[in-house]
Amino acid sequence: MNTLFTVIAILVLIAAILLTIVVLLQNGKGGGLASNFVAGNQTFGVRQTADLLEKITWGLAAFILILSIVSNFTINGGSKNALDVTDQIQAEQTEQAPAFPVAPVEAAQQEDAE
């Protein structure tokens, strides 16, 4: 497998774990991490925390999407000899022996005719 593809796959895995953690920190009903700052609404208060978590969520989701698209181009490594699945199936079918080979008697007759 391509080294670049492996690195991208690891980055997507890390981003997915981080995205899961950030989503679990949020709470749609005003709780979550943002509720811990209700008493002291200071510089990094409730609204700023919710905005930051939302921006991180969208950023990680976009990061995963972009890496997924990039990984598609790195799978074959830009090889010109890479075949898609249908080309591979056709190549295998043409390489196989025919289902009904020529009988030995017919082969002998064909050689005599030549």
PDB file of N, CA and C in Angstrom:
ATOM      1  N   MET A   1       0.834  -1.177   0.000  1.00  0.00           N
ATOM      2  CA  MET A   1       0.000   0.000   0.000  1.00  0.00           C
ATOM      3  C   MET A   1       0.881   1.244   0.000  1.00  0.00           C
ATOM      4  N   ASN A   2       0.355   2.272  -0.511  1.00  0.00           N
ATOM      5  CA  ASN A   2       1.081   3.531  -0.635  1.00  0.00           C
ATOM      6  C   ASN A   2       1.283   4.160   0.749  1.00  0.00           C
ATOM      7  N   THR A   3       2.473   4.696   1.004  1.00  0.00           N
ATOM      8  CA  THR A   3       2.782   5.312   2.294  1.00  0.00           C
ATOM      9  C   THR A   3       1.926   6.550   2.532  1.00  0.00           C
ATOM     10  N   LEU A   4       1.726   7.331   1.491  1.00  0.00           N
ATOM     11  CA  LEU A   4       0.908   8.535   1.623  1.00  0.00           C
ATOM     12  C   LEU A   4      -0.526   8.178   2.005  1.00  0.00           C
ATOM     13  N   PHE A   5      -1.052   7.108   1.415  1.00  0.00           N
ATOM     14  CA  PHE A   5      -2.412   6.676   1.750  1.00  0.00           C
ATOM     15  C   PHE A   5      -2.496   6.256   3.223  1.00  0.00           C
ATOM     16  N   THR A   6      -1.467   5.582   3.719  1.00  0.00           N
ATOM     17  CA  THR A   6      -1.454   5.156   5.119  1.00  0.00           C
ATOM     18  C   THR A   6      -1.433   6.358   6.052  1.00  0.00           C
ATOM     19  N   VAL A   7      -0.637   7.357   5.727  1.00  0.00           N
ATOM     20  CA  VAL A   7      -0.569   8.569   6.553  1.00  0.00           C
ATOM     21  C   VAL A   7      -1.923   9.280   6.555  1.00  0.00           C
ATOM     22  N   ILE A   8      -2.544   9.382   5.396  1.00  0.00           N
ATOM     23  CA  ILE A   8      -3.857  10.037   5.311  1.00  0.00           C
ATOM     24  C   ILE A   8      -4.897   9.265   6.104  1.00  0.00           C
ATOM     25  N   ALA A   9      -4.855   7.943   6.036  1.00  0.00           N
ATOM     26  CA  ALA A   9      -5.810   7.125   6.785  1.00  0.00           C
ATOM     27  C   ALA A   9      -5.640   7.323   8.292  1.00  0.00           C
ATOM     28  N   ILE A  10      -4.409   7.429   8.749  1.00  0.00           N
ATOM     29  CA  ILE A  10      -4.159   7.667  10.179  1.00  0.00           C
ATOM     30  C   ILE A  10      -4.667   9.049  10.582  1.00  0.00           C
ATOM     31  N   LEU A  11      -4.439  10.060   9.741  1.00  0.00           N
ATOM     32  CA  LEU A  11      -4.939  11.408  10.039  1.00  0.00           C
ATOM     33  C   LEU A  11      -6.466  11.446  10.100  1.00  0.00           C
ATOM     34  N   VAL A  12      -7.127  10.714   9.213  1.00  0.00           N
ATOM     35  CA  VAL A  12      -8.592  10.659   9.235  1.00  0.00           C
ATOM     36  C   VAL A  12      -9.067   9.988  10.519  1.00  0.00           C
ATOM     37  N   LEU A  13      -8.378   8.942  10.945  1.00  0.00           N
ATOM     38  CA  LEU A  13      -8.754   8.255  12.179  1.00  0.00           C
ATOM     39  C   LEU A  13      -8.612   9.174  13.391  1.00  0.00           C
ATOM     40  N   ILE A  14      -7.502   9.899  13.460  1.00  0.00           N
ATOM     41  CA  ILE A  14      -7.293  10.837  14.572  1.00  0.00           C
ATOM     42  C   ILE A  14      -8.345  11.940  14.546  1.00  0.00           C
ATOM     43  N   ALA A  15      -8.636  12.475  13.360  1.00  0.00           N
ATOM     44  CA  ALA A  15      -9.644  13.534  13.246  1.00  0.00           C
ATOM     45  C   ALA A  15     -11.027  13.012  13.639  1.00  0.00           C
ATOM     46  N   ALA A  16     -11.332  11.763  13.301  1.00  0.00           N
ATOM     47  CA  ALA A  16     -12.633  11.193  13.666  1.00  0.00           C
ATOM     48  C   ALA A  16     -12.758  11.036  15.179  1.00  0.00           C
ATOM     49  N   ILE A  17     -11.684  10.633  15.834  1.00  0.00           N
ATOM     50  CA  ILE A  17     -11.712  10.511  17.297  1.00  0.00           C
ATOM     51  C   ILE A  17     -11.877  11.889  17.933  1.00  0.00           C
ATOM     52  N   LEU A  18     -11.138  12.886  17.432  1.00  0.00           N
ATOM     53  CA  LEU A  18     -11.279  14.243  17.957  1.00  0.00           C
ATOM     54  C   LEU A  18     -12.684  14.793  17.720  1.00  0.00           C
ATOM     55  N   LEU A  19     -13.246  14.514  16.555  1.00  0.00           N
ATOM     56  CA  LEU A  19     -14.598  14.978  16.244  1.00  0.00           C
ATOM     57  C   LEU A  19     -15.613  14.356  17.202  1.00  0.00           C
ATOM     58  N   THR A  20     -15.433  13.084  17.508  1.00  0.00           N
ATOM     59  CA  THR A  20     -16.324  12.418  18.462  1.00  0.00           C
ATOM     60  C   THR A  20     -16.244  13.074  19.827  1.00  0.00           C
ATOM     61  N   ILE A  21     -15.040  13.388  20.278  1.00  0.00           N
ATOM     62  CA  ILE A  21     -14.862  14.023  21.584  1.00  0.00           C
ATOM     63  C   ILE A  21     -15.493  15.413  21.607  1.00  0.00           C
ATOM     64  N   VAL A  22     -15.285  16.191  20.551  1.00  0.00           N
ATOM     65  CA  VAL A  22     -15.838  17.556  20.495  1.00  0.00           C
ATOM     66  C   VAL A  22     -17.362  17.511  20.476  1.00  0.00           C
ATOM     67  N   VAL A  23     -17.937  16.569  19.748  1.00  0.00           N
ATOM     68  CA  VAL A  23     -19.398  16.472  19.697  1.00  0.00           C
ATOM     69  C   VAL A  23     -19.949  16.056  21.060  1.00  0.00           C
ATOM     70  N   LEU A  24     -19.247  15.170  21.748  1.00  0.00           N
ATOM     71  CA  LEU A  24     -19.716  14.761  23.075  1.00  0.00           C
ATOM     72  C   LEU A  24     -19.594  15.892  24.103  1.00  0.00           C
ATOM     73  N   LEU A  25     -18.675  16.830  23.885  1.00  0.00           N
ATOM     74  CA  LEU A  25     -18.562  17.975  24.789  1.00  0.00           C
ATOM     75  C   LEU A  25     -19.746  18.924  24.645  1.00  0.00           C
ATOM     76  N   GLN A  26     -20.363  18.921  23.477  1.00  0.00           N
ATOM     77  CA  GLN A  26     -21.495  19.813  23.239  1.00  0.00           C
ATOM     78  C   GLN A  26     -22.768  19.185  23.779  1.00  0.00           C
ATOM     79  N   ASN A  27     -23.709  20.045  24.104  1.00  0.00           N
ATOM     80  CA  ASN A  27     -25.029  19.584  24.507  1.00  0.00           C
ATOM     81  C   ASN A  27     -26.038  20.526  23.877  1.00  0.00           C
ATOM     82  N   GLY A  28     -26.969  19.993  23.152  1.00  0.00           N
ATOM     83  CA  GLY A  28     -27.931  20.804  22.420  1.00  0.00           C
ATOM     84  C   GLY A  28     -28.873  21.612  23.291  1.00  0.00           C
ATOM     85  N   LYS A  29     -28.994  21.270  24.566  1.00  0.00           N
ATOM     86  CA  LYS A  29     -29.938  21.976  25.427  1.00  0.00           C
ATOM     87  C   LYS A  29     -29.239  22.927  26.394  1.00  0.00           C
ATOM     88  N   GLY A  30     -28.076  23.397  26.025  1.00  0.00           N
ATOM     89  CA  GLY A  30     -27.400  24.393  26.850  1.00  0.00           C
ATOM     90  C   GLY A  30     -26.464  23.814  27.878  1.00  0.00           C
ATOM     91  N   GLY A  31     -26.326  22.493  27.943  1.00  0.00           N
ATOM     92  CA  GLY A  31     -25.425  21.874  28.910  1.00  0.00           C
ATOM     93  C   GLY A  31     -24.063  21.662  28.297  1.00  0.00           C
ATOM     94  N   GLY A  32     -23.444  20.594  28.654  1.00  0.00           N
ATOM     95  CA  GLY A  32     -22.146  20.251  28.106  1.00  0.00           C
ATOM     96  C   GLY A  32     -21.046  21.103  28.698  1.00  0.00           C
ATOM     97  N   LEU A  33     -19.985  21.297  27.986  1.00  0.00           N
ATOM     98  CA  LEU A  33     -18.854  22.078  28.461  1.00  0.00           C
ATOM     99  C   LEU A  33     -19.239  23.538  28.662  1.00  0.00           C
ATOM    100  N   ALA A  34     -20.123  24.039  27.814  1.00  0.00           N
ATOM    101  CA  ALA A  34     -20.523  25.447  27.915  1.00  0.00           C
ATOM    102  C   ALA A  34     -21.246  25.740  29.223  1.00  0.00           C
ATOM    103  N   SER A  35     -21.933  24.765  29.820  1.00  0.00           N
ATOM    104  CA  SER A  35     -22.681  25.010  31.050  1.00  0.00           C
ATOM    105  C   SER A  35     -21.761  25.205  32.247  1.00  0.00           C
ATOM    106  N   ASN A  36     -20.512  24.782  32.159  1.00  0.00           N
ATOM    107  CA  ASN A  36     -19.574  24.954  33.264  1.00  0.00           C
ATOM    108  C   ASN A  36     -19.166  26.404  33.450  1.00  0.00           C
ATOM    109  N   PHE A  37     -19.384  27.242  32.474  1.00  0.00           N
ATOM    110  CA  PHE A  37     -18.959  28.635  32.540  1.00  0.00           C
ATOM    111  C   PHE A  37     -20.117  29.592  32.804  1.00  0.00           C
ATOM    112  N   VAL A  38     -21.245  29.069  33.241  1.00  0.00           N
ATOM    113  CA  VAL A  38     -22.423  29.919  33.450  1.00  0.00           C
ATOM    114  C   VAL A  38     -22.190  30.912  34.575  1.00  0.00           C
ATOM    115  N   ALA A  39     -21.576  30.473  35.672  1.00  0.00           N
ATOM    116  CA  ALA A  39     -21.407  31.343  36.838  1.00  0.00           C
ATOM    117  C   ALA A  39     -20.465  32.506  36.532  1.00  0.00           C
ATOM    118  N   GLY A  40     -19.362  32.225  35.904  1.00  0.00           N
ATOM    119  CA  GLY A  40     -18.409  33.300  35.629  1.00  0.00           C
ATOM    120  C   GLY A  40     -18.316  33.556  34.143  1.00  0.00           C
ATOM    121  N   ASN A  41     -19.207  34.339  33.619  1.00  0.00           N
ATOM    122  CA  ASN A  41     -19.212  34.637  32.191  1.00  0.00           C
ATOM    123  C   ASN A  41     -18.111  35.660  31.911  1.00  0.00           C
ATOM    124  N   GLN A  42     -16.889  35.135  31.793  1.00  0.00           N
ATOM    125  CA  GLN A  42     -15.741  36.016  31.628  1.00  0.00           C
ATOM    126  C   GLN A  42     -15.356  36.083  30.161  1.00  0.00           C
ATOM    127  N   THR A  43     -14.094  36.297  29.898  1.00  0.00           N
ATOM    128  CA  THR A  43     -13.614  36.462  28.532  1.00  0.00           C
ATOM    129  C   THR A  43     -13.946  35.246  27.673  1.00  0.00           C
ATOM    130  N   PHE A  44     -13.744  34.083  28.231  1.00  0.00           N
ATOM    131  CA  PHE A  44     -14.029  32.853  27.496  1.00  0.00           C
ATOM    132  C   PHE A  44     -15.317  32.260  28.060  1.00  0.00           C
ATOM    133  N   GLY A  45     -16.415  32.963  27.865  1.00  0.00           N
ATOM    134  CA  GLY A  45     -17.677  32.625  28.507  1.00  0.00           C
ATOM    135  C   GLY A  45     -18.472  31.578  27.765  1.00  0.00           C
ATOM    136  N   VAL A  46     -19.751  31.541  28.054  1.00  0.00           N
ATOM    137  CA  VAL A  46     -20.636  30.506  27.550  1.00  0.00           C
ATOM    138  C   VAL A  46     -20.756  30.568  26.033  1.00  0.00           C
ATOM    139  N   ARG A  47     -21.054  31.719  25.511  1.00  0.00           N
ATOM    140  CA  ARG A  47     -21.285  31.833  24.070  1.00  0.00           C
ATOM    141  C   ARG A  47     -20.005  31.573  23.280  1.00  0.00           C
ATOM    142  N   GLN A  48     -18.879  32.058  23.797  1.00  0.00           N
ATOM    143  CA  GLN A  48     -17.627  31.848  23.090  1.00  0.00           C
ATOM    144  C   GLN A  48     -17.250  30.366  23.067  1.00  0.00           C
ATOM    145  N   THR A  49     -17.533  29.648  24.151  1.00  0.00           N
ATOM    146  CA  THR A  49     -17.236  28.222  24.203  1.00  0.00           C
ATOM    147  C   THR A  49     -18.079  27.468  23.196  1.00  0.00           C
ATOM    148  N   ALA A  50     -19.364  27.772  23.128  1.00  0.00           N
ATOM    149  CA  ALA A  50     -20.250  27.093  22.177  1.00  0.00           C
ATOM    150  C   ALA A  50     -19.827  27.399  20.741  1.00  0.00           C
ATOM    151  N   ASP A  51     -19.468  28.651  20.470  1.00  0.00           N
ATOM    152  CA  ASP A  51     -19.013  29.017  19.126  1.00  0.00           C
ATOM    153  C   ASP A  51     -17.725  28.286  18.769  1.00  0.00           C
ATOM    154  N   LEU A  52     -16.805  28.211  19.716  1.00  0.00           N
ATOM    155  CA  LEU A  52     -15.532  27.547  19.462  1.00  0.00           C
ATOM    156  C   LEU A  52     -15.743  26.056  19.178  1.00  0.00           C
ATOM    157  N   LEU A  53     -16.584  25.408  19.980  1.00  0.00           N
ATOM    158  CA  LEU A  53     -16.847  23.979  19.766  1.00  0.00           C
ATOM    159  C   LEU A  53     -17.532  23.738  18.424  1.00  0.00           C
ATOM    160  N   GLU A  54     -18.414  24.643  18.039  1.00  0.00           N
ATOM    161  CA  GLU A  54     -19.078  24.500  16.746  1.00  0.00           C
ATOM    162  C   GLU A  54     -18.092  24.681  15.596  1.00  0.00           C
ATOM    163  N   LYS A  55     -17.195  25.651  15.725  1.00  0.00           N
ATOM    164  CA  LYS A  55     -16.185  25.870  14.676  1.00  0.00           C
ATOM    165  C   LYS A  55     -15.232  24.685  14.576  1.00  0.00           C
ATOM    166  N   ILE A  56     -14.846  24.132  15.714  1.00  0.00           N
ATOM    167  CA  ILE A  56     -13.973  22.952  15.707  1.00  0.00           C
ATOM    168  C   ILE A  56     -14.682  21.768  15.055  1.00  0.00           C
ATOM    169  N   THR A  57     -15.968  21.609  15.352  1.00  0.00           N
ATOM    170  CA  THR A  57     -16.745  20.507  14.768  1.00  0.00           C
ATOM    171  C   THR A  57     -16.788  20.622  13.246  1.00  0.00           C
ATOM    172  N   TRP A  58     -17.128  21.797  12.748  1.00  0.00           N
ATOM    173  CA  TRP A  58     -17.187  21.988  11.292  1.00  0.00           C
ATOM    174  C   TRP A  58     -15.809  21.857  10.653  1.00  0.00           C
ATOM    175  N   GLY A  59     -14.794  22.355  11.335  1.00  0.00           N
ATOM    176  CA  GLY A  59     -13.436  22.255  10.808  1.00  0.00           C
ATOM    177  C   GLY A  59     -12.965  20.809  10.698  1.00  0.00           C
ATOM    178  N   LEU A  60     -13.229  20.014  11.724  1.00  0.00           N
ATOM    179  CA  LEU A  60     -12.832  18.598  11.682  1.00  0.00           C
ATOM    180  C   LEU A  60     -13.624  17.830  10.629  1.00  0.00           C
ATOM    181  N   ALA A  61     -14.901  18.145  10.487  1.00  0.00           N
ATOM    182  CA  ALA A  61     -15.710  17.475   9.468  1.00  0.00           C
ATOM    183  C   ALA A  61     -15.191  17.806   8.065  1.00  0.00           C
ATOM    184  N   ALA A  62     -14.839  19.070   7.829  1.00  0.00           N
ATOM    185  CA  ALA A  62     -14.291  19.461   6.530  1.00  0.00           C
ATOM    186  C   ALA A  62     -12.928  18.812   6.301  1.00  0.00           C
ATOM    187  N   PHE A  63     -12.127  18.726   7.351  1.00  0.00           N
ATOM    188  CA  PHE A  63     -10.809  18.096   7.260  1.00  0.00           C
ATOM    189  C   PHE A  63     -10.937  16.624   6.854  1.00  0.00           C
ATOM    190  N   ILE A  64     -11.872  15.915   7.463  1.00  0.00           N
ATOM    191  CA  ILE A  64     -12.093  14.505   7.126  1.00  0.00           C
ATOM    192  C   ILE A  64     -12.579  14.372   5.686  1.00  0.00           C
ATOM    193  N   LEU A  65     -13.474  15.249   5.264  1.00  0.00           N
ATOM    194  CA  LEU A  65     -13.985  15.206   3.895  1.00  0.00           C
ATOM    195  C   LEU A  65     -12.868  15.432   2.877  1.00  0.00           C
ATOM    196  N   ILE A  66     -12.041  16.431   3.118  1.00  0.00           N
ATOM    197  CA  ILE A  66     -10.946  16.745   2.187  1.00  0.00           C
ATOM    198  C   ILE A  66      -9.940  15.595   2.140  1.00  0.00           C
ATOM    199  N   LEU A  67      -9.581  15.055   3.299  1.00  0.00           N
ATOM    200  CA  LEU A  67      -8.632  13.943   3.307  1.00  0.00           C
ATOM    201  C   LEU A  67      -9.203  12.698   2.637  1.00  0.00           C
ATOM    202  N   SER A  68     -10.495  12.495   2.756  1.00  0.00           N
ATOM    203  CA  SER A  68     -11.120  11.349   2.092  1.00  0.00           C
ATOM    204  C   SER A  68     -11.040  11.488   0.576  1.00  0.00           C
ATOM    205  N   ILE A  69     -11.257  12.687   0.087  1.00  0.00           N
ATOM    206  CA  ILE A  69     -11.170  12.916  -1.359  1.00  0.00           C
ATOM    207  C   ILE A  69      -9.719  12.773  -1.835  1.00  0.00           C
ATOM    208  N   VAL A  70      -8.774  13.322  -1.074  1.00  0.00           N
ATOM    209  CA  VAL A  70      -7.367  13.218  -1.448  1.00  0.00           C
ATOM    210  C   VAL A  70      -6.906  11.760  -1.428  1.00  0.00           C
ATOM    211  N   SER A  71      -7.383  10.988  -0.455  1.00  0.00           N
ATOM    212  CA  SER A  71      -6.960   9.585  -0.363  1.00  0.00           C
ATOM    213  C   SER A  71      -7.424   8.784  -1.572  1.00  0.00           C
ATOM    214  N   ASN A  72      -8.510   9.190  -2.184  1.00  0.00           N
ATOM    215  CA  ASN A  72      -8.985   8.501  -3.385  1.00  0.00           C
ATOM    216  C   ASN A  72      -7.962   8.589  -4.514  1.00  0.00           C
ATOM    217  N   PHE A  73      -7.270   9.704  -4.605  1.00  0.00           N
ATOM    218  CA  PHE A  73      -6.280   9.886  -5.662  1.00  0.00           C
ATOM    219  C   PHE A  73      -4.960   9.190  -5.346  1.00  0.00           C
ATOM    220  N   THR A  74      -4.722   8.861  -4.085  1.00  0.00           N
ATOM    221  CA  THR A  74      -3.465   8.227  -3.713  1.00  0.00           C
ATOM    222  C   THR A  74      -3.545   6.712  -3.681  1.00  0.00           C
ATOM    223  N   ILE A  75      -4.722   6.135  -3.855  1.00  0.00           N
ATOM    224  CA  ILE A  75      -4.861   4.672  -3.766  1.00  0.00           C
ATOM    225  C   ILE A  75      -4.046   3.994  -4.858  1.00  0.00           C
ATOM    226  N   ASN A  76      -4.200   4.394  -6.100  1.00  0.00           N
ATOM    227  CA  ASN A  76      -3.475   3.784  -7.199  1.00  0.00           C
ATOM    228  C   ASN A  76      -2.110   4.428  -7.408  1.00  0.00           C
ATOM    229  N   GLY A  77      -1.845   5.494  -6.746  1.00  0.00           N
ATOM    230  CA  GLY A  77      -0.556   6.161  -6.857  1.00  0.00           C
ATOM    231  C   GLY A  77      -0.312   6.784  -8.217  1.00  0.00           C
ATOM    232  N   GLY A  78      -1.357   7.051  -8.970  1.00  0.00           N
ATOM    233  CA  GLY A  78      -1.205   7.652 -10.274  1.00  0.00           C
ATOM    234  C   GLY A  78      -0.628   6.702 -11.306  1.00  0.00           C
ATOM    235  N   SER A  79      -0.673   5.419 -11.032  1.00  0.00           N
ATOM    236  CA  SER A  79      -0.108   4.425 -11.938  1.00  0.00           C
ATOM    237  C   SER A  79      -0.956   4.311 -13.198  1.00  0.00           C
ATOM    238  N   LYS A  80      -0.291   4.302 -14.355  1.00  0.00           N
ATOM    239  CA  LYS A  80      -1.022   4.173 -15.614  1.00  0.00           C
ATOM    240  C   LYS A  80      -1.428   2.735 -15.868  1.00  0.00           C
ATOM    241  N   ASN A  81      -0.774   1.783 -15.180  1.00  0.00           N
ATOM    242  CA  ASN A  81      -1.092   0.375 -15.367  1.00  0.00           C
ATOM    243  C   ASN A  81      -2.229  -0.082 -14.471  1.00  0.00           C
ATOM    244  N   ALA A  82      -2.714   0.777 -13.605  1.00  0.00           N
ATOM    245  CA  ALA A  82      -3.779   0.397 -12.695  1.00  0.00           C
ATOM    246  C   ALA A  82      -5.085   0.240 -13.463  1.00  0.00           C
ATOM    247  N   LEU A  83      -5.748  -0.876 -13.233  1.00  0.00           N
ATOM    248  CA  LEU A  83      -7.018  -1.157 -13.890  1.00  0.00           C
ATOM    249  C   LEU A  83      -8.138  -1.047 -12.885  1.00  0.00           C
ATOM    250  N   ASP A  84      -9.308  -0.629 -13.359  1.00  0.00           N
ATOM    251  CA  ASP A  84     -10.440  -0.651 -12.454  1.00  0.00           C
ATOM    252  C   ASP A  84     -10.993  -2.073 -12.400  1.00  0.00           C
ATOM    253  N   VAL A  85     -11.997  -2.283 -11.582  1.00  0.00           N
ATOM    254  CA  VAL A  85     -12.512  -3.625 -11.328  1.00  0.00           C
ATOM    255  C   VAL A  85     -13.054  -4.273 -12.596  1.00  0.00           C
ATOM    256  N   THR A  86     -13.762  -3.533 -13.411  1.00  0.00           N
ATOM    257  CA  THR A  86     -14.332  -4.141 -14.618  1.00  0.00           C
ATOM    258  C   THR A  86     -13.247  -4.543 -15.603  1.00  0.00           C
ATOM    259  N   ASP A  87     -12.175  -3.756 -15.709  1.00  0.00           N
ATOM    260  CA  ASP A  87     -11.068  -4.131 -16.579  1.00  0.00           C
ATOM    261  C   ASP A  87     -10.372  -5.385 -16.068  1.00  0.00           C
ATOM    262  N   GLN A  88     -10.238  -5.513 -14.746  1.00  0.00           N
ATOM    263  CA  GLN A  88      -9.611  -6.701 -14.172  1.00  0.00           C
ATOM    264  C   GLN A  88     -10.448  -7.947 -14.447  1.00  0.00           C
ATOM    265  N   ILE A  89     -11.764  -7.835 -14.340  1.00  0.00           N
ATOM    266  CA  ILE A  89     -12.646  -8.983 -14.599  1.00  0.00           C
ATOM    267  C   ILE A  89     -12.545  -9.396 -16.060  1.00  0.00           C
ATOM    268  N   GLN A  90     -12.544  -8.437 -16.964  1.00  0.00           N
ATOM    269  CA  GLN A  90     -12.427  -8.762 -18.389  1.00  0.00           C
ATOM    270  C   GLN A  90     -11.075  -9.403 -18.696  1.00  0.00           C
ATOM    271  N   ALA A  91     -10.022  -8.926 -18.061  1.00  0.00           N
ATOM    272  CA  ALA A  91      -8.696  -9.505 -18.294  1.00  0.00           C
ATOM    273  C   ALA A  91      -8.643 -10.942 -17.801  1.00  0.00           C
ATOM    274  N   GLU A  92      -9.263 -11.228 -16.668  1.00  0.00           N
ATOM    275  CA  GLU A  92      -9.285 -12.593 -16.141  1.00  0.00           C
ATOM    276  C   GLU A  92     -10.104 -13.510 -17.039  1.00  0.00           C
ATOM    277  N   GLN A  93     -11.204 -13.019 -17.567  1.00  0.00           N
ATOM    278  CA  GLN A  93     -12.053 -13.844 -18.418  1.00  0.00           C
ATOM    279  C   GLN A  93     -11.354 -14.186 -19.732  1.00  0.00           C
ATOM    280  N   THR A  94     -10.583 -13.274 -20.278  1.00  0.00           N
ATOM    281  CA  THR A  94      -9.903 -13.559 -21.545  1.00  0.00           C
ATOM    282  C   THR A  94      -8.705 -14.478 -21.345  1.00  0.00           C
ATOM    283  N   GLU A  95      -8.120 -14.490 -20.117  1.00  0.00           N
ATOM    284  CA  GLU A  95      -6.976 -15.347 -19.856  1.00  0.00           C
ATOM    285  C   GLU A  95      -7.379 -16.785 -19.571  1.00  0.00           C
ATOM    286  N   GLN A  96      -8.622 -17.030 -19.203  1.00  0.00           N
ATOM    287  CA  GLN A  96      -9.076 -18.376 -18.869  1.00  0.00           C
ATOM    288  C   GLN A  96      -9.213 -19.208 -20.136  1.00  0.00           C
ATOM    289  N   ALA A  97      -9.075 -20.522 -19.940  1.00  0.00           N
ATOM    290  CA  ALA A  97      -9.248 -21.442 -21.060  1.00  0.00           C
ATOM    291  C   ALA A  97     -10.719 -21.468 -21.462  1.00  0.00           C
ATOM    292  N   PRO A  98     -11.009 -21.747 -22.729  1.00  0.00           N
ATOM    293  CA  PRO A  98     -12.401 -21.794 -23.150  1.00  0.00           C
ATOM    294  C   PRO A  98     -13.145 -22.941 -22.452  1.00  0.00           C
ATOM    295  N   ALA A  99     -14.457 -22.782 -22.301  1.00  0.00           N
ATOM    296  CA  ALA A  99     -15.253 -23.792 -21.611  1.00  0.00           C
ATOM    297  C   ALA A  99     -15.281 -25.103 -22.382  1.00  0.00           C
ATOM    298  N   PHE A 100     -15.286 -25.051 -23.715  1.00  0.00           N
ATOM    299  CA  PHE A 100     -15.316 -26.251 -24.544  1.00  0.00           C
ATOM    300  C   PHE A 100     -14.116 -26.232 -25.486  1.00  0.00           C
ATOM    301  N   PRO A 101     -12.987 -26.809 -25.072  1.00  0.00           N
ATOM    302  CA  PRO A 101     -11.817 -26.790 -25.951  1.00  0.00           C
ATOM    303  C   PRO A 101     -12.045 -27.675 -27.170  1.00  0.00           C
ATOM    304  N   VAL A 102     -11.224 -27.483 -28.152  1.00  0.00           N
ATOM    305  CA  VAL A 102     -11.331 -28.231 -29.396  1.00  0.00           C
ATOM    306  C   VAL A 102     -10.963 -29.688 -29.119  1.00  0.00           C
ATOM    307  N   ALA A 103     -11.776 -30.591 -29.602  1.00  0.00           N
ATOM    308  CA  ALA A 103     -11.519 -32.022 -29.405  1.00  0.00           C
ATOM    309  C   ALA A 103     -10.250 -32.422 -30.136  1.00  0.00           C
ATOM    310  N   PRO A 104      -9.517 -33.436 -29.643  1.00  0.00           N
ATOM    311  CA  PRO A 104      -8.269 -33.849 -30.294  1.00  0.00           C
ATOM    312  C   PRO A 104      -8.468 -34.278 -31.742  1.00  0.00           C
ATOM    313  N   VAL A 105      -9.602 -34.886 -32.052  1.00  0.00           N
ATOM    314  CA  VAL A 105      -9.846 -35.346 -33.437  1.00  0.00           C
ATOM    315  C   VAL A 105      -9.967 -34.129 -34.361  1.00  0.00           C
ATOM    316  N   GLU A 106     -10.680 -33.077 -33.891  1.00  0.00           N
ATOM    317  CA  GLU A 106     -10.837 -31.883 -34.712  1.00  0.00           C
ATOM    318  C   GLU A 106      -9.506 -31.166 -34.866  1.00  0.00           C
ATOM    319  N   ALA A 107      -8.668 -31.187 -33.821  1.00  0.00           N
ATOM    320  CA  ALA A 107      -7.368 -30.540 -33.905  1.00  0.00           C
ATOM    321  C   ALA A 107      -6.499 -31.233 -34.929  1.00  0.00           C
ATOM    322  N   ALA A 108      -6.566 -32.573 -34.979  1.00  0.00           N
ATOM    323  CA  ALA A 108      -5.788 -33.339 -35.947  1.00  0.00           C
ATOM    324  C   ALA A 108      -6.267 -33.055 -37.356  1.00  0.00           C
ATOM    325  N   GLN A 109      -7.575 -32.933 -37.527  1.00  0.00           N
ATOM    326  CA  GLN A 109      -8.132 -32.640 -38.848  1.00  0.00           C
ATOM    327  C   GLN A 109      -7.721 -31.256 -39.324  1.00  0.00           C
ATOM    328  N   GLN A 110      -7.661 -30.289 -38.386  1.00  0.00           N
ATOM    329  CA  GLN A 110      -7.259 -28.939 -38.739  1.00  0.00           C
ATOM    330  C   GLN A 110      -5.782 -28.904 -39.151  1.00  0.00           C
ATOM    331  N   GLU A 111      -4.958 -29.695 -38.474  1.00  0.00           N
ATOM    332  CA  GLU A 111      -3.529 -29.744 -38.836  1.00  0.00           C
ATOM    333  C   GLU A 111      -3.336 -30.369 -40.217  1.00  0.00           C
ATOM    334  N   ASP A 112      -4.143 -31.425 -40.526  1.00  0.00           N
ATOM    335  CA  ASP A 112      -4.047 -32.068 -41.834  1.00  0.00           C
ATOM    336  C   ASP A 112      -4.481 -31.123 -42.943  1.00  0.00           C
ATOM    337  N   ALA A 113      -5.478 -30.303 -42.655  1.00  0.00           N
ATOM    338  CA  ALA A 113      -6.002 -29.383 -43.664  1.00  0.00           C
ATOM    339  C   ALA A 113      -4.976 -28.303 -43.996  1.00  0.00           C
ATOM    340  N   GLU A 114      -4.133 -27.972 -43.073  1.00  0.00           N
ATOM    341  CA  GLU A 114      -3.157 -26.903 -43.302  1.00  0.00           C
ATOM    342  C   GLU A 114      -2.038 -27.467 -44.073  1.00  0.00           C
TER     343      GLU A 114
END
